[in-house]
Amino acid sequence: TGAEDLEVVKRFGLQADNSLYEFGTGFGRSAQHFVNFLDTDHYFGNDISAARIRQMREFFEFNGLAKKNPTFFVTANNSFDWAEGKTFDFIWTMAVFCHMPDEDVREVFRNVHKIMHPSSIFLALDTHLDDSDRIHRYNAKDWFRPPSWYCDAAAEAGLHSEDVSEKLVAGVGSQNVSTPLGYKGMKFSSHLIKMTLS
């Protein structure tokens, strides 16, 4: 539902007066809960799809969340230059990196410092194949990488990182339990990586 995503970030200290940036909003599955919880003008997010952002805006107008004045960006790259130097207390992404090639994820890690201040917390929820420490490309737009890959890539970009999957709540991602993956018979689970500037 997306409500679980909010509960995960609250476990890391999210308060209503904090600012939050969501990388990859999609249709607003998580955004609606973040916006409802946060103070006015405290939610920001981007997506590559203008259509998704438009649908989310329309939905927020319908359910009254537009009054919280969330800010959305339609973006075509991973530069974070669109934020124009603004930094955020929390950065959240869920099931976005698994749809991005390795180099694009690395680019996010190299540039995300532009929207972080010394106390910012960047939380990345994604999925990996059980019992595998390798990268698996499932199809044209889906990659499964082990948590260690994300930690290593973050370290290469100068970020401090740690696997904090024990902080996941029931119902978030793939619920941190083995989930069958289509006809290939593979199983995957969720992991959560926390990144900071130091």
N, C-alpha and C. Protein backbone atom coordinates (compact mmCIF):
# COMPACT_ATOMS: atom_id res chain seq x y z
N THR A 1 0.81 -1.21 0.00
CA THR A 1 0.00 0.00 0.00
C THR A 1 0.84 1.26 0.00
N GLY A 2 2.09 1.17 0.43
CA GLY A 2 2.94 2.34 0.56
C GLY A 2 3.00 2.85 1.98
N ALA A 3 2.00 2.52 2.79
CA ALA A 3 2.00 2.96 4.19
C ALA A 3 3.18 2.35 4.94
N GLU A 4 3.58 1.15 4.55
CA GLU A 4 4.70 0.49 5.21
C GLU A 4 6.01 1.23 4.95
N ASP A 5 6.11 1.85 3.78
CA ASP A 5 7.33 2.61 3.47
C ASP A 5 7.51 3.76 4.46
N LEU A 6 6.42 4.44 4.75
CA LEU A 6 6.47 5.52 5.75
C LEU A 6 6.93 4.98 7.09
N GLU A 7 6.41 3.84 7.50
CA GLU A 7 6.77 3.28 8.79
C GLU A 7 8.26 2.93 8.84
N VAL A 8 8.81 2.46 7.72
CA VAL A 8 10.23 2.16 7.68
C VAL A 8 11.05 3.42 7.92
N VAL A 9 10.74 4.50 7.21
CA VAL A 9 11.53 5.73 7.34
C VAL A 9 11.36 6.31 8.74
N LYS A 10 10.19 6.17 9.33
CA LYS A 10 9.99 6.65 10.70
C LYS A 10 10.89 5.92 11.69
N ARG A 11 11.26 4.69 11.37
CA ARG A 11 12.17 3.94 12.24
C ARG A 11 13.56 4.57 12.27
N PHE A 12 13.84 5.42 11.31
CA PHE A 12 15.13 6.11 11.26
C PHE A 12 15.01 7.56 11.74
N GLY A 13 13.87 7.89 12.31
CA GLY A 13 13.72 9.20 12.94
C GLY A 13 12.92 10.23 12.19
N LEU A 14 12.26 9.85 11.10
CA LEU A 14 11.48 10.82 10.34
C LEU A 14 10.40 11.46 11.20
N GLN A 15 10.38 12.81 11.20
CA GLN A 15 9.37 13.59 11.89
C GLN A 15 8.62 14.44 10.85
N ALA A 16 7.46 14.92 11.25
CA ALA A 16 6.62 15.67 10.31
C ALA A 16 7.31 16.93 9.78
N ASP A 17 8.20 17.50 10.56
CA ASP A 17 8.85 18.73 10.12
C ASP A 17 10.16 18.50 9.37
N ASN A 18 10.47 17.23 9.09
CA ASN A 18 11.62 16.91 8.25
C ASN A 18 11.26 17.06 6.78
N SER A 19 12.26 17.28 5.96
CA SER A 19 12.06 17.26 4.51
C SER A 19 12.44 15.89 3.98
N LEU A 20 11.71 15.44 2.97
CA LEU A 20 11.96 14.13 2.39
C LEU A 20 11.94 14.23 0.87
N TYR A 21 12.91 13.58 0.25
CA TYR A 21 13.00 13.51 -1.21
C TYR A 21 12.85 12.07 -1.64
N GLU A 22 11.91 11.81 -2.54
CA GLU A 22 11.71 10.45 -3.04
C GLU A 22 12.25 10.34 -4.47
N PHE A 23 13.20 9.44 -4.66
CA PHE A 23 13.78 9.22 -5.98
C PHE A 23 12.99 8.12 -6.67
N GLY A 24 12.20 8.51 -7.68
CA GLY A 24 11.35 7.55 -8.39
C GLY A 24 10.00 7.41 -7.73
N THR A 25 9.12 8.38 -7.96
CA THR A 25 7.83 8.39 -7.27
C THR A 25 6.83 7.40 -7.84
N GLY A 26 7.00 7.06 -9.14
CA GLY A 26 5.97 6.25 -9.77
C GLY A 26 4.63 6.97 -9.74
N PHE A 27 3.57 6.22 -9.47
CA PHE A 27 2.23 6.80 -9.42
C PHE A 27 1.87 7.39 -8.05
N GLY A 28 2.81 7.35 -7.12
CA GLY A 28 2.54 7.94 -5.81
C GLY A 28 2.16 6.95 -4.74
N ARG A 29 2.46 5.68 -4.95
CA ARG A 29 2.13 4.64 -3.97
C ARG A 29 2.64 4.99 -2.58
N SER A 30 3.89 5.40 -2.50
CA SER A 30 4.47 5.81 -1.22
C SER A 30 4.25 7.29 -0.96
N ALA A 31 4.30 8.08 -2.03
CA ALA A 31 4.22 9.54 -1.88
C ALA A 31 2.98 9.98 -1.13
N GLN A 32 1.84 9.35 -1.40
CA GLN A 32 0.61 9.78 -0.74
C GLN A 32 0.72 9.69 0.78
N HIS A 33 1.42 8.70 1.28
CA HIS A 33 1.58 8.54 2.73
C HIS A 33 2.61 9.50 3.28
N PHE A 34 3.69 9.71 2.55
CA PHE A 34 4.69 10.68 2.98
C PHE A 34 4.08 12.08 3.03
N VAL A 35 3.39 12.47 1.98
CA VAL A 35 2.81 13.81 1.91
C VAL A 35 1.79 14.01 3.03
N ASN A 36 0.97 13.03 3.27
CA ASN A 36 -0.03 13.13 4.33
C ASN A 36 0.61 13.31 5.70
N PHE A 37 1.74 12.65 5.92
CA PHE A 37 2.41 12.69 7.22
C PHE A 37 3.23 13.97 7.41
N LEU A 38 3.90 14.40 6.38
CA LEU A 38 4.83 15.53 6.50
C LEU A 38 4.10 16.87 6.52
N ASP A 39 4.77 17.85 7.09
CA ASP A 39 4.24 19.22 7.06
C ASP A 39 4.17 19.72 5.61
N THR A 40 3.38 20.75 5.41
CA THR A 40 3.26 21.38 4.10
C THR A 40 4.62 21.82 3.58
N ASP A 41 4.84 21.62 2.30
CA ASP A 41 6.08 22.01 1.61
C ASP A 41 7.29 21.16 1.97
N HIS A 42 7.09 19.98 2.55
CA HIS A 42 8.22 19.18 3.02
C HIS A 42 8.46 17.91 2.20
N TYR A 43 7.61 17.64 1.21
CA TYR A 43 7.82 16.47 0.35
C TYR A 43 8.26 16.91 -1.04
N PHE A 44 9.28 16.21 -1.55
CA PHE A 44 9.80 16.44 -2.89
C PHE A 44 10.04 15.08 -3.54
N GLY A 45 9.85 15.01 -4.85
CA GLY A 45 10.10 13.74 -5.52
C GLY A 45 10.27 13.92 -7.01
N ASN A 46 10.87 12.93 -7.62
CA ASN A 46 11.06 12.98 -9.07
C ASN A 46 10.69 11.64 -9.70
N ASP A 47 10.40 11.69 -10.99
CA ASP A 47 10.19 10.48 -11.77
C ASP A 47 10.56 10.79 -13.22
N ILE A 48 10.95 9.77 -13.94
CA ILE A 48 11.30 9.93 -15.33
C ILE A 48 10.07 10.11 -16.22
N SER A 49 8.91 9.69 -15.70
CA SER A 49 7.68 9.69 -16.49
C SER A 49 6.80 10.90 -16.18
N ALA A 50 6.61 11.75 -17.17
CA ALA A 50 5.71 12.90 -17.01
C ALA A 50 4.28 12.44 -16.80
N ALA A 51 3.90 11.33 -17.43
CA ALA A 51 2.54 10.81 -17.29
C ALA A 51 2.27 10.37 -15.85
N ARG A 52 3.23 9.74 -15.23
CA ARG A 52 3.05 9.31 -13.84
C ARG A 52 2.93 10.51 -12.90
N ILE A 53 3.77 11.50 -13.12
CA ILE A 53 3.69 12.70 -12.30
C ILE A 53 2.34 13.38 -12.48
N ARG A 54 1.86 13.46 -13.71
CA ARG A 54 0.55 14.06 -13.97
C ARG A 54 -0.57 13.30 -13.26
N GLN A 55 -0.55 11.99 -13.35
CA GLN A 55 -1.58 11.19 -12.69
C GLN A 55 -1.52 11.36 -11.17
N MET A 56 -0.30 11.45 -10.64
CA MET A 56 -0.18 11.64 -9.20
C MET A 56 -0.72 13.00 -8.79
N ARG A 57 -0.43 14.03 -9.55
CA ARG A 57 -0.97 15.35 -9.24
C ARG A 57 -2.50 15.33 -9.24
N GLU A 58 -3.08 14.68 -10.25
CA GLU A 58 -4.53 14.60 -10.35
C GLU A 58 -5.11 13.85 -9.15
N PHE A 59 -4.46 12.77 -8.75
CA PHE A 59 -4.91 12.01 -7.59
C PHE A 59 -4.84 12.84 -6.32
N PHE A 60 -3.76 13.59 -6.18
CA PHE A 60 -3.60 14.42 -4.98
C PHE A 60 -4.63 15.55 -4.95
N GLU A 61 -4.98 16.08 -6.12
CA GLU A 61 -6.05 17.08 -6.17
C GLU A 61 -7.37 16.46 -5.72
N PHE A 62 -7.61 15.25 -6.14
CA PHE A 62 -8.86 14.55 -5.82
C PHE A 62 -8.98 14.25 -4.34
N ASN A 63 -7.88 13.80 -3.71
CA ASN A 63 -7.98 13.38 -2.31
C ASN A 63 -7.55 14.44 -1.30
N GLY A 64 -7.27 15.64 -1.77
CA GLY A 64 -6.98 16.75 -0.87
C GLY A 64 -5.53 16.90 -0.47
N LEU A 65 -4.64 16.04 -0.97
CA LEU A 65 -3.24 16.13 -0.57
C LEU A 65 -2.50 17.28 -1.27
N ALA A 66 -3.09 17.81 -2.33
CA ALA A 66 -2.43 18.91 -3.04
C ALA A 66 -2.24 20.13 -2.13
N LYS A 67 -3.09 20.25 -1.11
CA LYS A 67 -2.97 21.39 -0.19
C LYS A 67 -1.67 21.35 0.61
N LYS A 68 -1.01 20.16 0.64
CA LYS A 68 0.28 20.05 1.34
C LYS A 68 1.43 20.55 0.46
N ASN A 69 1.10 20.94 -0.76
CA ASN A 69 2.05 21.55 -1.68
C ASN A 69 3.31 20.71 -1.92
N PRO A 70 3.15 19.45 -2.30
CA PRO A 70 4.34 18.65 -2.63
C PRO A 70 4.98 19.16 -3.93
N THR A 71 6.28 18.96 -4.05
CA THR A 71 7.01 19.40 -5.23
C THR A 71 7.46 18.18 -6.03
N PHE A 72 7.16 18.18 -7.33
CA PHE A 72 7.53 17.06 -8.20
C PHE A 72 8.41 17.56 -9.35
N PHE A 73 9.36 16.72 -9.72
CA PHE A 73 10.23 17.01 -10.86
C PHE A 73 10.12 15.86 -11.86
N VAL A 74 9.99 16.19 -13.13
CA VAL A 74 10.13 15.21 -14.20
C VAL A 74 11.58 15.30 -14.67
N THR A 75 12.31 14.19 -14.57
CA THR A 75 13.75 14.23 -14.78
C THR A 75 14.19 13.22 -15.84
N ALA A 76 15.21 13.58 -16.58
CA ALA A 76 15.72 12.71 -17.64
C ALA A 76 17.13 12.21 -17.36
N ASN A 77 17.67 12.57 -16.19
CA ASN A 77 19.02 12.11 -15.86
C ASN A 77 19.14 11.98 -14.34
N ASN A 78 20.33 11.64 -13.89
CA ASN A 78 20.55 11.41 -12.45
C ASN A 78 21.48 12.45 -11.84
N SER A 79 21.40 13.66 -12.35
CA SER A 79 22.34 14.71 -11.92
C SER A 79 21.94 15.35 -10.60
N PHE A 80 20.66 15.35 -10.28
CA PHE A 80 20.09 16.06 -9.13
C PHE A 80 20.24 17.58 -9.25
N ASP A 81 20.64 18.06 -10.42
CA ASP A 81 20.78 19.51 -10.60
C ASP A 81 19.43 20.22 -10.53
N TRP A 82 18.35 19.48 -10.81
CA TRP A 82 17.03 20.09 -10.77
C TRP A 82 16.64 20.56 -9.37
N ALA A 83 17.30 20.02 -8.35
CA ALA A 83 17.00 20.44 -6.97
C ALA A 83 17.58 21.81 -6.65
N GLU A 84 18.43 22.31 -7.54
CA GLU A 84 18.99 23.67 -7.44
C GLU A 84 19.65 23.93 -6.09
N GLY A 85 20.40 22.95 -5.62
CA GLY A 85 21.18 23.13 -4.41
C GLY A 85 20.45 22.85 -3.11
N LYS A 86 19.17 22.54 -3.16
CA LYS A 86 18.41 22.26 -1.94
C LYS A 86 18.82 20.90 -1.39
N THR A 87 18.91 20.80 -0.07
CA THR A 87 19.23 19.53 0.56
C THR A 87 18.05 19.05 1.40
N PHE A 88 18.05 17.77 1.71
CA PHE A 88 16.90 17.14 2.36
C PHE A 88 17.35 16.27 3.53
N ASP A 89 16.48 16.16 4.52
CA ASP A 89 16.80 15.38 5.71
C ASP A 89 16.80 13.88 5.41
N PHE A 90 15.85 13.46 4.58
CA PHE A 90 15.74 12.05 4.21
C PHE A 90 15.58 11.92 2.71
N ILE A 91 16.22 10.90 2.16
CA ILE A 91 16.04 10.54 0.76
C ILE A 91 15.59 9.08 0.74
N TRP A 92 14.56 8.80 -0.03
CA TRP A 92 13.97 7.46 -0.06
C TRP A 92 13.82 6.99 -1.50
N THR A 93 14.14 5.73 -1.72
CA THR A 93 13.84 5.11 -3.01
C THR A 93 13.45 3.67 -2.78
N MET A 94 12.44 3.22 -3.49
CA MET A 94 11.94 1.86 -3.31
C MET A 94 11.71 1.19 -4.66
N ALA A 95 12.40 0.07 -4.87
CA ALA A 95 12.24 -0.72 -6.10
C ALA A 95 12.44 0.12 -7.36
N VAL A 96 13.43 0.99 -7.33
CA VAL A 96 13.80 1.80 -8.49
C VAL A 96 15.12 1.31 -9.07
N PHE A 97 16.10 1.10 -8.23
CA PHE A 97 17.42 0.69 -8.71
C PHE A 97 17.37 -0.65 -9.45
N CYS A 98 16.44 -1.50 -9.10
CA CYS A 98 16.35 -2.81 -9.77
C CYS A 98 15.92 -2.66 -11.23
N HIS A 99 15.48 -1.46 -11.62
CA HIS A 99 15.11 -1.20 -13.01
C HIS A 99 16.16 -0.35 -13.72
N MET A 100 17.31 -0.18 -13.10
CA MET A 100 18.35 0.68 -13.67
C MET A 100 19.64 -0.12 -13.90
N PRO A 101 20.34 0.14 -15.01
CA PRO A 101 21.64 -0.50 -15.23
C PRO A 101 22.65 -0.10 -14.16
N ASP A 102 23.69 -0.90 -14.02
CA ASP A 102 24.69 -0.66 -12.98
C ASP A 102 25.22 0.77 -13.00
N GLU A 103 25.62 1.23 -14.17
CA GLU A 103 26.26 2.54 -14.25
C GLU A 103 25.30 3.66 -13.85
N ASP A 104 24.01 3.50 -14.15
CA ASP A 104 23.04 4.52 -13.74
C ASP A 104 22.91 4.58 -12.23
N VAL A 105 22.93 3.42 -11.58
CA VAL A 105 22.87 3.40 -10.11
C VAL A 105 24.12 4.06 -9.54
N ARG A 106 25.26 3.73 -10.10
CA ARG A 106 26.51 4.34 -9.64
C ARG A 106 26.48 5.86 -9.82
N GLU A 107 25.87 6.31 -10.90
CA GLU A 107 25.75 7.75 -11.15
C GLU A 107 24.90 8.42 -10.08
N VAL A 108 23.82 7.76 -9.67
CA VAL A 108 23.00 8.29 -8.57
C VAL A 108 23.85 8.43 -7.32
N PHE A 109 24.63 7.42 -7.00
CA PHE A 109 25.45 7.46 -5.80
C PHE A 109 26.51 8.55 -5.89
N ARG A 110 27.06 8.76 -7.08
CA ARG A 110 28.08 9.81 -7.24
C ARG A 110 27.50 11.21 -7.08
N ASN A 111 26.22 11.39 -7.42
CA ASN A 111 25.63 12.73 -7.45
C ASN A 111 24.70 13.05 -6.27
N VAL A 112 24.28 12.03 -5.53
CA VAL A 112 23.27 12.28 -4.51
C VAL A 112 23.77 13.22 -3.41
N HIS A 113 25.09 13.33 -3.26
CA HIS A 113 25.62 14.25 -2.25
C HIS A 113 25.13 15.68 -2.48
N LYS A 114 24.73 16.00 -3.70
CA LYS A 114 24.25 17.35 -4.03
C LYS A 114 22.97 17.69 -3.27
N ILE A 115 22.20 16.68 -2.87
CA ILE A 115 20.95 16.96 -2.16
C ILE A 115 21.02 16.49 -0.70
N MET A 116 22.25 16.24 -0.22
CA MET A 116 22.44 15.79 1.17
C MET A 116 23.19 16.83 1.97
N HIS A 117 22.84 16.92 3.25
CA HIS A 117 23.62 17.71 4.20
C HIS A 117 24.27 16.73 5.18
N PRO A 118 25.09 17.18 6.10
CA PRO A 118 25.83 16.25 6.95
C PRO A 118 24.97 15.26 7.74
N SER A 119 23.70 15.59 8.01
CA SER A 119 22.85 14.69 8.79
C SER A 119 21.83 13.93 7.93
N SER A 120 21.88 14.09 6.63
CA SER A 120 20.91 13.42 5.76
C SER A 120 21.05 11.90 5.83
N ILE A 121 19.94 11.23 5.67
CA ILE A 121 19.90 9.76 5.62
C ILE A 121 19.25 9.36 4.30
N PHE A 122 19.97 8.56 3.54
CA PHE A 122 19.50 8.05 2.25
C PHE A 122 19.17 6.57 2.44
N LEU A 123 17.90 6.21 2.22
CA LEU A 123 17.44 4.83 2.39
C LEU A 123 17.02 4.27 1.05
N ALA A 124 17.61 3.14 0.69
CA ALA A 124 17.30 2.49 -0.59
C ALA A 124 16.79 1.09 -0.35
N LEU A 125 15.53 0.88 -0.67
CA LEU A 125 14.90 -0.44 -0.54
C LEU A 125 14.86 -1.10 -1.91
N ASP A 126 15.38 -2.31 -2.00
CA ASP A 126 15.35 -3.01 -3.27
C ASP A 126 15.32 -4.52 -3.02
N THR A 127 15.55 -5.29 -4.07
CA THR A 127 15.42 -6.74 -3.97
C THR A 127 16.66 -7.45 -4.47
N HIS A 128 16.87 -8.65 -3.95
CA HIS A 128 17.98 -9.49 -4.36
C HIS A 128 17.50 -10.93 -4.45
N LEU A 129 18.20 -11.73 -5.21
CA LEU A 129 17.88 -13.15 -5.27
C LEU A 129 18.43 -13.85 -4.03
N ASP A 130 17.64 -14.72 -3.46
CA ASP A 130 18.08 -15.45 -2.28
C ASP A 130 19.29 -16.32 -2.61
N ASP A 131 20.18 -16.42 -1.63
CA ASP A 131 21.33 -17.32 -1.73
C ASP A 131 22.21 -17.03 -2.94
N SER A 132 22.33 -15.77 -3.29
CA SER A 132 23.20 -15.42 -4.40
C SER A 132 23.93 -14.12 -4.10
N ASP A 133 25.23 -14.11 -4.38
CA ASP A 133 26.02 -12.91 -4.19
C ASP A 133 26.43 -12.31 -5.53
N ARG A 134 25.71 -12.67 -6.59
CA ARG A 134 26.00 -12.17 -7.92
C ARG A 134 24.86 -11.28 -8.42
N ILE A 135 25.16 -10.49 -9.45
CA ILE A 135 24.13 -9.71 -10.13
C ILE A 135 23.42 -10.61 -11.13
N HIS A 136 22.10 -10.57 -11.14
CA HIS A 136 21.32 -11.34 -12.10
C HIS A 136 20.44 -10.38 -12.90
N ARG A 137 20.53 -10.48 -14.21
CA ARG A 137 19.64 -9.69 -15.06
C ARG A 137 18.47 -10.59 -15.43
N TYR A 138 17.30 -10.22 -14.94
CA TYR A 138 16.12 -11.06 -15.13
C TYR A 138 15.50 -10.88 -16.51
N ASN A 139 15.45 -9.63 -16.96
CA ASN A 139 14.93 -9.34 -18.30
C ASN A 139 15.50 -7.99 -18.75
N ALA A 140 14.88 -7.38 -19.73
CA ALA A 140 15.44 -6.16 -20.31
C ALA A 140 15.53 -5.00 -19.33
N LYS A 141 14.69 -4.98 -18.32
CA LYS A 141 14.69 -3.83 -17.41
C LYS A 141 14.67 -4.21 -15.93
N ASP A 142 15.11 -5.41 -15.60
CA ASP A 142 15.13 -5.84 -14.21
C ASP A 142 16.45 -6.49 -13.85
N TRP A 143 17.08 -5.93 -12.81
CA TRP A 143 18.33 -6.47 -12.29
C TRP A 143 18.14 -6.82 -10.82
N PHE A 144 18.76 -7.90 -10.40
CA PHE A 144 18.78 -8.26 -8.99
C PHE A 144 20.23 -8.24 -8.53
N ARG A 145 20.50 -7.38 -7.55
CA ARG A 145 21.87 -7.23 -7.05
C ARG A 145 21.88 -7.51 -5.55
N PRO A 146 22.93 -8.14 -5.05
CA PRO A 146 23.01 -8.40 -3.61
C PRO A 146 23.23 -7.10 -2.83
N PRO A 147 22.84 -7.07 -1.58
CA PRO A 147 23.06 -5.85 -0.77
C PRO A 147 24.51 -5.39 -0.78
N SER A 148 25.45 -6.34 -0.81
CA SER A 148 26.87 -5.99 -0.79
C SER A 148 27.26 -5.16 -2.01
N TRP A 149 26.61 -5.41 -3.15
CA TRP A 149 26.93 -4.62 -4.35
C TRP A 149 26.60 -3.15 -4.11
N TYR A 150 25.43 -2.88 -3.53
CA TYR A 150 25.03 -1.50 -3.26
C TYR A 150 25.97 -0.85 -2.26
N CYS A 151 26.37 -1.57 -1.24
CA CYS A 151 27.28 -1.01 -0.24
C CYS A 151 28.63 -0.69 -0.87
N ASP A 152 29.13 -1.57 -1.72
CA ASP A 152 30.41 -1.33 -2.38
C ASP A 152 30.32 -0.14 -3.34
N ALA A 153 29.23 -0.07 -4.11
CA ALA A 153 29.06 1.04 -5.05
C ALA A 153 28.94 2.37 -4.31
N ALA A 154 28.25 2.36 -3.19
CA ALA A 154 28.12 3.57 -2.39
C ALA A 154 29.48 4.00 -1.85
N ALA A 155 30.26 3.04 -1.37
CA ALA A 155 31.59 3.35 -0.84
C ALA A 155 32.48 3.95 -1.92
N GLU A 156 32.39 3.41 -3.14
CA GLU A 156 33.17 3.95 -4.25
C GLU A 156 32.81 5.41 -4.53
N ALA A 157 31.58 5.78 -4.23
CA ALA A 157 31.12 7.15 -4.45
C ALA A 157 31.37 8.04 -3.23
N GLY A 158 32.01 7.50 -2.21
CA GLY A 158 32.34 8.29 -1.03
C GLY A 158 31.26 8.33 0.03
N LEU A 159 30.26 7.45 -0.07
CA LEU A 159 29.18 7.40 0.92
C LEU A 159 29.46 6.31 1.94
N HIS A 160 29.06 6.56 3.16
CA HIS A 160 29.09 5.52 4.18
C HIS A 160 27.79 4.73 4.05
N SER A 161 27.88 3.40 4.05
CA SER A 161 26.67 2.61 3.86
C SER A 161 26.65 1.41 4.78
N GLU A 162 25.45 0.92 5.04
CA GLU A 162 25.29 -0.30 5.82
C GLU A 162 23.96 -0.96 5.46
N ASP A 163 23.94 -2.27 5.55
CA ASP A 163 22.73 -3.05 5.32
C ASP A 163 21.92 -3.02 6.61
N VAL A 164 20.74 -2.40 6.55
CA VAL A 164 19.89 -2.25 7.74
C VAL A 164 18.55 -2.96 7.51
N SER A 165 18.59 -4.08 6.84
CA SER A 165 17.37 -4.79 6.48
C SER A 165 16.56 -5.24 7.68
N GLU A 166 17.20 -5.33 8.83
CA GLU A 166 16.46 -5.72 10.04
C GLU A 166 15.43 -4.68 10.44
N LYS A 167 15.52 -3.48 9.86
CA LYS A 167 14.57 -2.41 10.16
C LYS A 167 13.30 -2.47 9.30
N LEU A 168 13.26 -3.39 8.35
CA LEU A 168 12.08 -3.50 7.50
C LEU A 168 10.87 -3.94 8.31
N VAL A 169 9.70 -3.49 7.89
CA VAL A 169 8.45 -3.87 8.54
C VAL A 169 7.70 -4.83 7.64
N ALA A 170 6.82 -5.62 8.22
CA ALA A 170 6.03 -6.57 7.44
C ALA A 170 5.21 -5.83 6.40
N GLY A 171 5.21 -6.36 5.18
CA GLY A 171 4.41 -5.77 4.12
C GLY A 171 5.16 -4.84 3.21
N VAL A 172 6.39 -4.47 3.57
CA VAL A 172 7.16 -3.55 2.73
C VAL A 172 7.96 -4.37 1.73
N GLY A 173 8.07 -3.86 0.50
CA GLY A 173 8.83 -4.57 -0.52
C GLY A 173 8.28 -5.96 -0.72
N SER A 174 9.15 -6.94 -0.72
CA SER A 174 8.72 -8.33 -0.83
C SER A 174 8.61 -8.96 0.55
N GLN A 175 8.42 -8.11 1.57
CA GLN A 175 8.18 -8.50 2.95
C GLN A 175 9.37 -9.21 3.57
N ASN A 176 10.54 -9.06 2.92
CA ASN A 176 11.77 -9.64 3.44
C ASN A 176 11.68 -11.14 3.61
N VAL A 177 10.83 -11.78 2.82
CA VAL A 177 10.73 -13.24 2.82
C VAL A 177 10.84 -13.72 1.38
N SER A 178 11.24 -14.97 1.20
CA SER A 178 11.41 -15.52 -0.13
C SER A 178 10.11 -15.49 -0.90
N THR A 179 10.14 -14.85 -2.06
CA THR A 179 8.96 -14.72 -2.91
C THR A 179 9.26 -15.35 -4.27
N PRO A 180 8.45 -16.30 -4.75
CA PRO A 180 8.71 -16.92 -6.05
C PRO A 180 8.73 -15.89 -7.16
N LEU A 181 9.63 -16.09 -8.12
CA LEU A 181 9.82 -15.14 -9.20
C LEU A 181 9.49 -15.80 -10.53
N GLY A 182 8.23 -15.85 -10.85
CA GLY A 182 7.80 -16.31 -12.17
C GLY A 182 8.24 -17.70 -12.53
N TYR A 183 8.33 -17.91 -13.83
CA TYR A 183 8.58 -19.25 -14.32
C TYR A 183 10.01 -19.72 -14.10
N LYS A 184 10.93 -18.81 -13.78
CA LYS A 184 12.32 -19.21 -13.64
C LYS A 184 12.61 -19.91 -12.32
N GLY A 185 11.63 -19.92 -11.43
CA GLY A 185 11.78 -20.65 -10.19
C GLY A 185 12.68 -20.02 -9.16
N MET A 186 13.14 -18.78 -9.41
CA MET A 186 14.01 -18.11 -8.47
C MET A 186 13.17 -17.45 -7.36
N LYS A 187 13.81 -17.17 -6.26
CA LYS A 187 13.13 -16.49 -5.16
C LYS A 187 13.94 -15.26 -4.78
N PHE A 188 13.19 -14.21 -4.41
CA PHE A 188 13.86 -12.98 -4.04
C PHE A 188 13.31 -12.43 -2.75
N SER A 189 14.09 -11.57 -2.10
CA SER A 189 13.72 -10.92 -0.85
C SER A 189 14.12 -9.45 -0.91
N SER A 190 13.60 -8.67 0.02
CA SER A 190 13.93 -7.25 0.09
C SER A 190 15.14 -7.01 0.96
N HIS A 191 15.84 -5.93 0.67
CA HIS A 191 16.90 -5.45 1.56
C HIS A 191 16.81 -3.93 1.63
N LEU A 192 17.39 -3.37 2.67
CA LEU A 192 17.37 -1.93 2.88
C LEU A 192 18.79 -1.47 3.16
N ILE A 193 19.27 -0.51 2.37
CA ILE A 193 20.60 0.05 2.54
C ILE A 193 20.48 1.48 3.03
N LYS A 194 21.22 1.80 4.07
CA LYS A 194 21.26 3.15 4.62
C LYS A 194 22.58 3.80 4.21
N MET A 195 22.50 5.02 3.68
CA MET A 195 23.70 5.74 3.26
C MET A 195 23.72 7.14 3.87
N THR A 196 24.90 7.56 4.26
CA THR A 196 25.12 8.89 4.80
C THR A 196 26.42 9.44 4.22
N LEU A 197 26.67 10.73 4.46
CA LEU A 197 27.89 11.34 3.95
C LEU A 197 29.10 10.95 4.76
N SER A 198 28.91 10.54 6.01
CA SER A 198 30.04 10.13 6.83
C SER A 198 29.60 9.15 7.89
